Protein backbone atom coordinates (compact mmCIF):
# COMPACT_ATOMS: atom_id res chain seq x y z
CA MET A 1 61.02 85.50 107.16
CA ARG A 2 63.48 88.36 107.01
CA GLN A 3 66.57 88.07 104.85
CA HIS A 4 70.03 87.62 106.48
CA ARG A 5 71.10 91.04 105.12
CA VAL A 6 69.52 94.27 106.21
CA ASN A 7 69.93 97.59 104.57
CA THR A 8 69.08 99.86 107.52
CA LEU A 9 68.51 99.58 111.30
CA LYS A 10 65.37 101.08 112.79
CA PRO A 11 64.95 102.09 116.51
CA GLY A 12 62.32 99.77 118.06
CA GLU A 13 62.97 96.91 115.67
CA HIS A 14 64.45 93.58 116.59
CA TYR A 15 67.37 92.04 114.68
CA LYS A 16 69.34 88.84 114.99
CA ALA A 17 73.06 89.03 115.76
CA LYS A 18 73.88 87.63 112.33
CA GLU A 19 71.83 90.48 110.70
CA LEU A 20 73.71 93.04 112.83
CA ASP A 21 77.00 91.45 111.84
CA SER A 22 76.25 91.75 108.18
CA PHE A 23 75.10 95.36 108.68
CA VAL A 24 78.25 96.33 110.55
CA SER A 25 80.45 94.64 107.87
CA SER A 26 78.96 96.58 105.03
CA ASN A 27 78.36 100.07 106.66
CA ASP A 28 80.53 102.61 108.38
CA ILE A 29 78.74 102.82 111.68
CA VAL A 30 79.26 102.32 115.52
CA LEU A 31 77.34 99.61 117.28
CA LEU A 32 76.99 99.85 120.99
CA ALA A 33 75.72 96.71 122.76
CA SER A 34 74.49 95.83 126.20
CA ASN A 35 76.18 92.52 126.36
CA ALA A 36 79.81 93.71 126.21
CA SER A 37 82.06 91.70 123.74
CA GLN A 38 79.60 88.88 123.20
CA LEU A 39 77.32 90.65 120.62
CA PHE A 40 78.23 88.18 117.89
CA SER A 41 78.75 85.02 120.00
CA ASP A 42 75.23 83.65 119.20
CA PRO A 43 74.07 84.42 115.63
CA GLU A 44 70.47 83.72 116.47
CA ARG A 45 70.27 86.00 119.61
CA GLU A 46 67.96 88.89 119.10
CA PHE A 47 68.68 92.48 119.86
CA LYS A 48 66.47 95.60 119.85
CA VAL A 49 67.63 98.92 118.44
CA VAL A 50 66.91 101.28 121.21
CA HIS A 51 68.55 104.44 119.88
CA GLU A 52 70.13 105.89 116.84
CA VAL A 53 72.36 109.09 116.66
CA GLU A 54 73.78 110.95 113.72
CA GLY A 55 77.24 111.32 115.35
CA PHE A 56 79.11 111.51 118.67
CA PHE A 57 82.02 113.16 120.48
CA GLU A 58 85.27 111.18 120.93
CA HIS A 59 88.12 112.10 123.23
CA SER A 60 91.58 111.82 121.68
CA ALA A 61 94.24 110.37 123.94
CA ASP A 62 96.94 111.78 121.70
CA ASP A 63 96.16 115.45 122.02
CA GLY A 64 93.49 115.61 124.84
CA GLU A 65 90.92 117.22 122.51
CA LYS A 66 87.34 116.17 121.92
CA TYR A 67 86.23 115.68 118.38
CA PHE A 68 82.76 115.23 116.83
CA ARG A 69 82.60 112.11 114.64
CA ASP A 70 79.97 112.49 111.96
CA LYS A 71 79.24 108.81 111.97
CA ARG A 72 75.92 107.05 112.63
CA ALA A 73 75.78 104.99 115.87
CA TYR A 74 73.20 102.57 117.11
CA VAL A 75 72.58 101.39 120.72
CA VAL A 76 71.24 97.71 120.93
CA GLU A 77 70.20 95.68 123.81
CA LYS A 78 69.44 91.90 124.18
CA VAL A 79 65.86 91.02 123.93
């Protein structure tokens, strides 16, 4: 049985919402989920990491510019 806390997320692997919650709380990352704002509503629900990126572009509403954020991001979907 896997521990509640995980140190890394790997594409193709499944994680429970409570493990993702713990990972997000202890790392500076972005997590994109396929179930809108309900990612952490069921701690036992499983998600699969489908993609990992090193960073992303973000549009600033303040000055209209696009900025690259050097921040790891993961895409997860419900299993």
